[in-house]
PDB file of N, CA and C in Angstrom:
ATOM      1  N   UNK A   1      94.446 310.341 -93.757  1.00  0.00           N
ATOM      2  CA  UNK A   1      95.041 310.057 -95.038  1.00  0.00           C
ATOM      3  C   UNK A   1      96.159 309.017 -94.909  1.00  0.00           C
ATOM      4  N   UNK A   2      96.907 309.101 -93.806  1.00  0.00           N
ATOM      5  CA  UNK A   2      97.990 308.136 -93.599  1.00  0.00           C
ATOM      6  C   UNK A   2      97.440 306.725 -93.454  1.00  0.00           C
ATOM      7  N   UNK A   3      96.306 306.592 -92.786  1.00  0.00           N
ATOM      8  CA  UNK A   3      95.711 305.267 -92.578  1.00  0.00           C
ATOM      9  C   UNK A   3      95.284 304.657 -93.905  1.00  0.00           C
ATOM     10  N   UNK A   4      94.746 305.484 -94.781  1.00  0.00           N
ATOM     11  CA  UNK A   4      94.327 304.978 -96.088  1.00  0.00           C
ATOM     12  C   UNK A   4      95.543 304.517 -96.879  1.00  0.00           C
ATOM     13  N   UNK A   5      96.614 305.303 -96.850  1.00  0.00           N
ATOM     14  CA  UNK A   5      97.833 304.935 -97.563  1.00  0.00           C
ATOM     15  C   UNK A   5      98.426 303.651 -96.987  1.00  0.00           C
ATOM     16  N   UNK A   6      98.421 303.554 -95.666  1.00  0.00           N
ATOM     17  CA  UNK A   6      98.947 302.354 -95.013  1.00  0.00           C
ATOM     18  C   UNK A   6      98.091 301.137 -95.364  1.00  0.00           C
ATOM     19  N   UNK A   7      96.785 301.295 -95.347  1.00  0.00           N
ATOM     20  CA  UNK A   7      95.883 300.189 -95.685  1.00  0.00           C
ATOM     21  C   UNK A   7      96.096 299.756 -97.137  1.00  0.00           C
ATOM     22  N   UNK A   8      96.274 300.728 -98.031  1.00  0.00           N
ATOM     23  CA  UNK A   8      96.508 300.406 -99.437  1.00  0.00           C
ATOM     24  C   UNK A   8      97.828 299.666 -99.610  1.00  0.00           C
ATOM     25  N   UNK A   9      98.845 300.106 -98.888  1.00  0.00           N
ATOM     26  CA  UNK A   9     100.150 299.451 -98.973  1.00  0.00           C
ATOM     27  C   UNK A   9     100.070 298.019 -98.461  1.00  0.00           C
ATOM     28  N   UNK A  10      99.384 297.821 -97.354  1.00  0.00           N
ATOM     29  CA  UNK A  10      99.234 296.472 -96.798  1.00  0.00           C
ATOM     30  C   UNK A  10      98.422 295.573 -97.723  1.00  0.00           C
ATOM     31  N   UNK A  11      97.390 296.131 -98.321  1.00  0.00           N
ATOM     32  CA  UNK A  11      96.571 295.353 -99.262  1.00  0.00           C
ATOM     33  C   UNK A  11      97.401 294.943-100.467  1.00  0.00           C
ATOM     34  N   UNK A  12      98.244 295.844-100.953  1.00  0.00           N
ATOM     35  CA  UNK A  12      99.105 295.544-102.096  1.00  0.00           C
ATOM     36  C   UNK A  12     100.086 294.428-101.745  1.00  0.00           C
ATOM     37  N   UNK A  13     100.683 294.492-100.559  1.00  0.00           N
ATOM     38  CA  UNK A  13     101.607 293.441-100.135  1.00  0.00           C
ATOM     39  C   UNK A  13     100.907 292.096-100.010  1.00  0.00           C
ATOM     40  N   UNK A  14      99.706 292.117 -99.467  1.00  0.00           N
ATOM     41  CA  UNK A  14      98.947 290.871 -99.317  1.00  0.00           C
ATOM     42  C   UNK A  14      98.626 290.278-100.680  1.00  0.00           C
ATOM     43  N   UNK A  15      98.236 291.123-101.623  1.00  0.00           N
ATOM     44  CA  UNK A  15      97.906 290.668-102.970  1.00  0.00           C
ATOM     45  C   UNK A  15      99.140 290.103-103.650  1.00  0.00           C
ATOM     46  N   UNK A  16     100.267 290.763-103.515  1.00  0.00           N
ATOM     47  CA  UNK A  16     101.507 290.278-104.130  1.00  0.00           C
ATOM     48  C   UNK A  16     101.888 288.914-103.564  1.00  0.00           C
ATOM     49  N   UNK A  17     101.732 288.752-102.267  1.00  0.00           N
ATOM     50  CA  UNK A  17     102.034 287.469-101.643  1.00  0.00           C
ATOM     51  C   UNK A  17     101.138 286.373-102.166  1.00  0.00           C
ATOM     52  N   UNK A  18      99.860 286.677-102.359  1.00  0.00           N
ATOM     53  CA  UNK A  18      98.916 285.695-102.882  1.00  0.00           C
ATOM     54  C   UNK A  18      99.249 285.341-104.322  1.00  0.00           C
ATOM     55  N   UNK A  19      99.571 286.328-105.122  1.00  0.00           N
ATOM     56  CA  UNK A  19      99.890 286.078-106.522  1.00  0.00           C
ATOM     57  C   UNK A  19     101.164 285.271-106.668  1.00  0.00           C
ATOM     58  N   UNK A  20     102.144 285.552-105.833  1.00  0.00           N
ATOM     59  CA  UNK A  20     103.395 284.815-105.951  1.00  0.00           C
ATOM     60  C   UNK A  20     103.199 283.344-105.624  1.00  0.00           C
ATOM     61  N   UNK A  21     102.313 283.034-104.683  1.00  0.00           N
ATOM     62  CA  UNK A  21     102.080 281.629-104.368  1.00  0.00           C
ATOM     63  C   UNK A  21     101.304 280.933-105.484  1.00  0.00           C
ATOM     64  N   UNK A  22     100.449 281.678-106.178  1.00  0.00           N
ATOM     65  CA  UNK A  22      99.705 281.100-107.292  1.00  0.00           C
ATOM     66  C   UNK A  22     100.640 280.766-108.445  1.00  0.00           C
ATOM     67  N   UNK A  23     101.598 281.661-108.693  1.00  0.00           N
ATOM     68  CA  UNK A  23     102.498 281.472-109.818  1.00  0.00           C
ATOM     69  C   UNK A  23     103.803 280.793-109.434  1.00  0.00           C
ATOM     70  N   UNK A  24     103.895 280.295-108.217  1.00  0.00           N
ATOM     71  CA  UNK A  24     105.120 279.619-107.785  1.00  0.00           C
ATOM     72  C   UNK A  24     105.334 278.377-108.638  1.00  0.00           C
ATOM     73  N   UNK A  25     106.551 278.169-109.008  1.00  0.00           N
ATOM     74  CA  UNK A  25     106.873 277.030-109.869  1.00  0.00           C
ATOM     75  C   UNK A  25     106.740 275.738-109.082  1.00  0.00           C
ATOM     76  N   UNK A  26     106.158 274.747-109.718  1.00  0.00           N
ATOM     77  CA  UNK A  26     106.085 273.423-109.115  1.00  0.00           C
ATOM     78  C   UNK A  26     107.199 272.582-109.719  1.00  0.00           C
ATOM     79  N   UNK A  27     107.494 271.495-109.073  1.00  0.00           N
ATOM     80  CA  UNK A  27     108.507 270.589-109.613  1.00  0.00           C
ATOM     81  C   UNK A  27     107.964 269.960-110.891  1.00  0.00           C
ATOM     82  N   UNK A  28     108.831 269.685-111.853  1.00  0.00           N
ATOM     83  CA  UNK A  28     108.355 268.990-113.053  1.00  0.00           C
ATOM     84  C   UNK A  28     107.757 267.645-112.653  1.00  0.00           C
ATOM     85  N   UNK A  29     106.601 267.348-113.170  1.00  0.00           N
ATOM     86  CA  UNK A  29     105.901 266.133-112.745  1.00  0.00           C
ATOM     87  C   UNK A  29     106.697 264.872-113.077  1.00  0.00           C
ATOM     88  N   UNK A  30     107.504 264.930-114.118  1.00  0.00           N
ATOM     89  CA  UNK A  30     108.308 263.761-114.466  1.00  0.00           C
ATOM     90  C   UNK A  30     109.313 263.439-113.348  1.00  0.00           C
ATOM     91  N   UNK A  31     109.876 264.470-112.752  1.00  0.00           N
ATOM     92  CA  UNK A  31     110.826 264.270-111.654  1.00  0.00           C
ATOM     93  C   UNK A  31     110.117 263.739-110.405  1.00  0.00           C
ATOM     94  N   UNK A  32     108.941 264.290-110.136  1.00  0.00           N
ATOM     95  CA  UNK A  32     108.179 263.837-108.976  1.00  0.00           C
ATOM     96  C   UNK A  32     107.742 262.385-109.159  1.00  0.00           C
ATOM     97  N   UNK A  33     107.384 262.023-110.385  1.00  0.00           N
ATOM     98  CA  UNK A  33     106.996 260.638-110.681  1.00  0.00           C
ATOM     99  C   UNK A  33     108.172 259.690-110.455  1.00  0.00           C
ATOM    100  N   UNK A  34     109.371 260.093-110.845  1.00  0.00           N
ATOM    101  CA  UNK A  34     110.558 259.258-110.601  1.00  0.00           C
ATOM    102  C   UNK A  34     110.745 259.016-109.110  1.00  0.00           C
ATOM    103  N   UNK A  35     110.589 260.067-108.323  1.00  0.00           N
ATOM    104  CA  UNK A  35     110.737 259.932-106.872  1.00  0.00           C
ATOM    105  C   UNK A  35     109.659 259.017-106.302  1.00  0.00           C
ATOM    106  N   UNK A  36     108.434 259.151-106.804  1.00  0.00           N
ATOM    107  CA  UNK A  36     107.336 258.295-106.349  1.00  0.00           C
ATOM    108  C   UNK A  36     107.635 256.829-106.652  1.00  0.00           C
ATOM    109  N   UNK A  37     108.076 256.566-107.861  1.00  0.00           N
ATOM    110  CA  UNK A  37     108.347 255.176-108.251  1.00  0.00           C
ATOM    111  C   UNK A  37     109.514 254.580-107.454  1.00  0.00           C
ATOM    112  N   UNK A  38     110.501 255.398-107.147  1.00  0.00           N
ATOM    113  CA  UNK A  38     111.619 254.917-106.332  1.00  0.00           C
ATOM    114  C   UNK A  38     111.141 254.575-104.925  1.00  0.00           C
ATOM    115  N   UNK A  39     110.293 255.425-104.368  1.00  0.00           N
ATOM    116  CA  UNK A  39     109.753 255.161-103.032  1.00  0.00           C
ATOM    117  C   UNK A  39     108.837 253.947-103.054  1.00  0.00           C
ATOM    118  N   UNK A  40     108.091 253.808-104.109  1.00  0.00           N
ATOM    119  CA  UNK A  40     107.154 252.692-104.244  1.00  0.00           C
ATOM    120  C   UNK A  40     107.892 251.354-104.329  1.00  0.00           C
ATOM    121  N   UNK A  41     109.064 251.372-104.929  1.00  0.00           N
ATOM    122  CA  UNK A  41     109.836 250.144-105.103  1.00  0.00           C
ATOM    123  C   UNK A  41     110.293 249.556-103.769  1.00  0.00           C
ATOM    124  N   UNK A  42     110.493 250.412-102.784  1.00  0.00           N
ATOM    125  CA  UNK A  42     110.981 249.934-101.491  1.00  0.00           C
ATOM    126  C   UNK A  42     109.902 249.895-100.411  1.00  0.00           C
ATOM    127  N   UNK A  43     108.719 250.390-100.724  1.00  0.00           N
ATOM    128  CA  UNK A  43     107.648 250.476 -99.722  1.00  0.00           C
ATOM    129  C   UNK A  43     107.005 249.111 -99.502  1.00  0.00           C
ATOM    130  N   UNK A  44     106.678 248.858 -98.269  1.00  0.00           N
ATOM    131  CA  UNK A  44     105.934 247.641 -97.921  1.00  0.00           C
ATOM    132  C   UNK A  44     104.506 248.093 -97.633  1.00  0.00           C
ATOM    133  N   UNK A  45     103.621 247.820 -98.594  1.00  0.00           N
ATOM    134  CA  UNK A  45     102.250 248.313 -98.522  1.00  0.00           C
ATOM    135  C   UNK A  45     101.256 247.180 -98.417  1.00  0.00           C
ATOM    136  N   UNK A  46     100.150 247.472 -97.749  1.00  0.00           N
ATOM    137  CA  UNK A  46      99.037 246.526 -97.723  1.00  0.00           C
ATOM    138  C   UNK A  46      98.401 246.536 -99.111  1.00  0.00           C
ATOM    139  N   UNK A  47      97.634 245.505 -99.431  1.00  0.00           N
ATOM    140  CA  UNK A  47      96.970 245.494-100.735  1.00  0.00           C
ATOM    141  C   UNK A  47      96.084 246.730-100.970  1.00  0.00           C
ATOM    142  N   UNK A  48      95.395 247.179 -99.927  1.00  0.00           N
ATOM    143  CA  UNK A  48      94.527 248.360-100.069  1.00  0.00           C
ATOM    144  C   UNK A  48      95.360 249.611-100.340  1.00  0.00           C
ATOM    145  N   UNK A  49      96.476 249.762 -99.612  1.00  0.00           N
ATOM    146  CA  UNK A  49      97.344 250.925 -99.835  1.00  0.00           C
ATOM    147  C   UNK A  49      97.992 250.863-101.213  1.00  0.00           C
ATOM    148  N   UNK A  50      98.359 249.665-101.644  1.00  0.00           N
ATOM    149  CA  UNK A  50      98.960 249.497-102.964  1.00  0.00           C
ATOM    150  C   UNK A  50      97.977 249.947-104.050  1.00  0.00           C
ATOM    151  N   UNK A  51      96.708 249.594-103.876  1.00  0.00           N
ATOM    152  CA  UNK A  51      95.673 249.999-104.824  1.00  0.00           C
ATOM    153  C   UNK A  51      95.508 251.508-104.824  1.00  0.00           C
ATOM    154  N   UNK A  52      95.484 252.110-103.644  1.00  0.00           N
ATOM    155  CA  UNK A  52      95.327 253.560-103.530  1.00  0.00           C
ATOM    156  C   UNK A  52      96.494 254.273-104.191  1.00  0.00           C
ATOM    157  N   UNK A  53      97.703 253.817-103.918  1.00  0.00           N
ATOM    158  CA  UNK A  53      98.890 254.436-104.516  1.00  0.00           C
ATOM    159  C   UNK A  53      98.845 254.310-106.033  1.00  0.00           C
ATOM    160  N   UNK A  54      98.457 253.148-106.514  1.00  0.00           N
ATOM    161  CA  UNK A  54      98.371 252.924-107.959  1.00  0.00           C
ATOM    162  C   UNK A  54      97.349 253.852-108.613  1.00  0.00           C
ATOM    163  N   UNK A  55      96.199 254.023-107.965  1.00  0.00           N
ATOM    164  CA  UNK A  55      95.163 254.912-108.505  1.00  0.00           C
ATOM    165  C   UNK A  55      95.642 256.365-108.531  1.00  0.00           C
ATOM    166  N   UNK A  56      96.301 256.785-107.457  1.00  0.00           N
ATOM    167  CA  UNK A  56      96.814 258.160-107.403  1.00  0.00           C
ATOM    168  C   UNK A  56      97.913 258.369-108.437  1.00  0.00           C
ATOM    169  N   UNK A  57      98.753 257.358-108.617  1.00  0.00           N
ATOM    170  CA  UNK A  57      99.812 257.440-109.631  1.00  0.00           C
ATOM    171  C   UNK A  57      99.212 257.574-111.027  1.00  0.00           C
ATOM    172  N   UNK A  58      98.180 256.784-111.303  1.00  0.00           N
ATOM    173  CA  UNK A  58      97.520 256.845-112.612  1.00  0.00           C
ATOM    174  C   UNK A  58      96.907 258.220-112.850  1.00  0.00           C
ATOM    175  N   UNK A  59      96.223 258.759-111.853  1.00  0.00           N
ATOM    176  CA  UNK A  59      95.643 260.098-111.980  1.00  0.00           C
ATOM    177  C   UNK A  59      96.733 261.139-112.194  1.00  0.00           C
ATOM    178  N   UNK A  60      97.839 260.992-111.461  1.00  0.00           N
ATOM    179  CA  UNK A  60      98.949 261.927-111.612  1.00  0.00           C
ATOM    180  C   UNK A  60      99.557 261.861-113.001  1.00  0.00           C
ATOM    181  N   UNK A  61      99.711 260.665-113.537  1.00  0.00           N
ATOM    182  CA  UNK A  61     100.267 260.508-114.886  1.00  0.00           C
ATOM    183  C   UNK A  61      99.348 261.141-115.919  1.00  0.00           C
ATOM    184  N   UNK A  62      98.036 260.977-115.739  1.00  0.00           N
ATOM    185  CA  UNK A  62      97.080 261.607-116.661  1.00  0.00           C
ATOM    186  C   UNK A  62      97.242 263.117-116.651  1.00  0.00           C
ATOM    187  N   UNK A  63      97.370 263.716-115.460  1.00  0.00           N
ATOM    188  CA  UNK A  63      97.533 265.167-115.352  1.00  0.00           C
ATOM    189  C   UNK A  63      98.894 265.593-115.900  1.00  0.00           C
ATOM    190  N   UNK A  64      99.914 264.779-115.677  1.00  0.00           N
ATOM    191  CA  UNK A  64     101.254 265.082-116.177  1.00  0.00           C
ATOM    192  C   UNK A  64     101.251 265.094-117.706  1.00  0.00           C
ATOM    193  N   UNK A  65     100.587 264.118-118.301  1.00  0.00           N
ATOM    194  CA  UNK A  65     100.491 264.066-119.764  1.00  0.00           C
ATOM    195  C   UNK A  65      99.707 265.246-120.332  1.00  0.00           C
ATOM    196  N   UNK A  66      98.836 265.830-119.504  1.00  0.00           N
ATOM    197  CA  UNK A  66      98.058 266.994-119.925  1.00  0.00           C
ATOM    198  C   UNK A  66      98.789 268.307-119.596  1.00  0.00           C
ATOM    199  N   UNK A  67     100.059 268.197-119.206  1.00  0.00           N
ATOM    200  CA  UNK A  67     100.877 269.368-118.840  1.00  0.00           C
ATOM    201  C   UNK A  67     100.294 270.160-117.678  1.00  0.00           C
ATOM    202  N   UNK A  68      99.703 269.442-116.737  1.00  0.00           N
ATOM    203  CA  UNK A  68      99.160 270.053-115.527  1.00  0.00           C
ATOM    204  C   UNK A  68     100.040 269.589-114.364  1.00  0.00           C
ATOM    205  N   UNK A  69     101.262 270.121-114.321  1.00  0.00           N
ATOM    206  CA  UNK A  69     102.250 269.666-113.342  1.00  0.00           C
ATOM    207  C   UNK A  69     101.783 269.832-111.907  1.00  0.00           C
ATOM    208  N   UNK A  70     101.111 270.920-111.610  1.00  0.00           N
ATOM    209  CA  UNK A  70     100.693 271.170-110.232  1.00  0.00           C
ATOM    210  C   UNK A  70      99.750 270.078-109.737  1.00  0.00           C
ATOM    211  N   UNK A  71      98.723 269.777-110.502  1.00  0.00           N
ATOM    212  CA  UNK A  71      97.785 268.724-110.070  1.00  0.00           C
ATOM    213  C   UNK A  71      98.441 267.358-110.074  1.00  0.00           C
ATOM    214  N   UNK A  72      99.308 267.112-111.053  1.00  0.00           N
ATOM    215  CA  UNK A  72     100.024 265.833-111.083  1.00  0.00           C
ATOM    216  C   UNK A  72     100.849 265.680-109.813  1.00  0.00           C
ATOM    217  N   UNK A  73     101.595 266.726-109.470  1.00  0.00           N
ATOM    218  CA  UNK A  73     102.409 266.675-108.256  1.00  0.00           C
ATOM    219  C   UNK A  73     101.549 266.507-107.011  1.00  0.00           C
ATOM    220  N   UNK A  74     100.353 267.081-107.016  1.00  0.00           N
ATOM    221  CA  UNK A  74      99.439 266.904-105.882  1.00  0.00           C
ATOM    222  C   UNK A  74      99.038 265.433-105.727  1.00  0.00           C
ATOM    223  N   UNK A  75      98.718 264.777-106.838  1.00  0.00           N
ATOM    224  CA  UNK A  75      98.363 263.350-106.779  1.00  0.00           C
ATOM    225  C   UNK A  75      99.562 262.520-106.314  1.00  0.00           C
ATOM    226  N   UNK A  76     100.749 262.853-106.826  1.00  0.00           N
ATOM    227  CA  UNK A  76     101.942 262.112-106.428  1.00  0.00           C
ATOM    228  C   UNK A  76     102.239 262.317-104.949  1.00  0.00           C
ATOM    229  N   UNK A  77     102.030 263.528-104.454  1.00  0.00           N
ATOM    230  CA  UNK A  77     102.248 263.828-103.025  1.00  0.00           C
ATOM    231  C   UNK A  77     101.277 263.027-102.164  1.00  0.00           C
ATOM    232  N   UNK A  78     100.033 262.895-102.615  1.00  0.00           N
ATOM    233  CA  UNK A  78      99.054 262.102-101.869  1.00  0.00           C
ATOM    234  C   UNK A  78      99.498 260.639-101.808  1.00  0.00           C
ATOM    235  N   UNK A  79     100.018 260.147-102.920  1.00  0.00           N
ATOM    236  CA  UNK A  79     100.492 258.755-102.962  1.00  0.00           C
ATOM    237  C   UNK A  79     101.678 258.570-102.007  1.00  0.00           C
ATOM    238  N   UNK A  80     102.568 259.555-101.974  1.00  0.00           N
ATOM    239  CA  UNK A  80     103.723 259.484-101.055  1.00  0.00           C
ATOM    240  C   UNK A  80     103.242 259.472 -99.612  1.00  0.00           C
ATOM    241  N   UNK A  81     102.203 260.247 -99.340  1.00  0.00           N
ATOM    242  CA  UNK A  81     101.658 260.306 -97.982  1.00  0.00           C
ATOM    243  C   UNK A  81     101.093 258.938 -97.570  1.00  0.00           C
ATOM    244  N   UNK A  82     100.420 258.267 -98.494  1.00  0.00           N
ATOM    245  CA  UNK A  82      99.872 256.939 -98.210  1.00  0.00           C
ATOM    246  C   UNK A  82     101.014 255.973 -97.865  1.00  0.00           C
ATOM    247  N   UNK A  83     102.159 256.149 -98.555  1.00  0.00           N
ATOM    248  CA  UNK A  83     103.314 255.281 -98.297  1.00  0.00           C
ATOM    249  C   UNK A  83     104.096 255.699 -97.056  1.00  0.00           C
ATOM    250  N   UNK A  84     103.722 256.834 -96.469  1.00  0.00           N
ATOM    251  CA  UNK A  84     104.423 257.306 -95.290  1.00  0.00           C
ATOM    252  C   UNK A  84     105.728 257.999 -95.608  1.00  0.00           C
ATOM    253  N   UNK A  85     105.848 258.513 -96.785  1.00  0.00           N
ATOM    254  CA  UNK A  85     107.084 259.203 -97.214  1.00  0.00           C
ATOM    255  C   UNK A  85     106.871 260.689 -97.257  1.00  0.00           C
TER     256      UNK A  85
END
């Protein structure tokens, strides 16, 4: 009986941890976009990287306008990664 109770307790903790990460607040996409644009202003990029960053920024802005901050921030993070930031 103790093992079942322990297993149930561990399962509950695991579930709570998973749920908290799902509902974790993301940064407002407008703030992340400001940071991206500031980094972009000083970045020295190849034409191909500049195109990639621009495409990711556009996708992020579309998601931001749709109030999908998490996906917008994901696109902005990818763009920052391309810039090495």
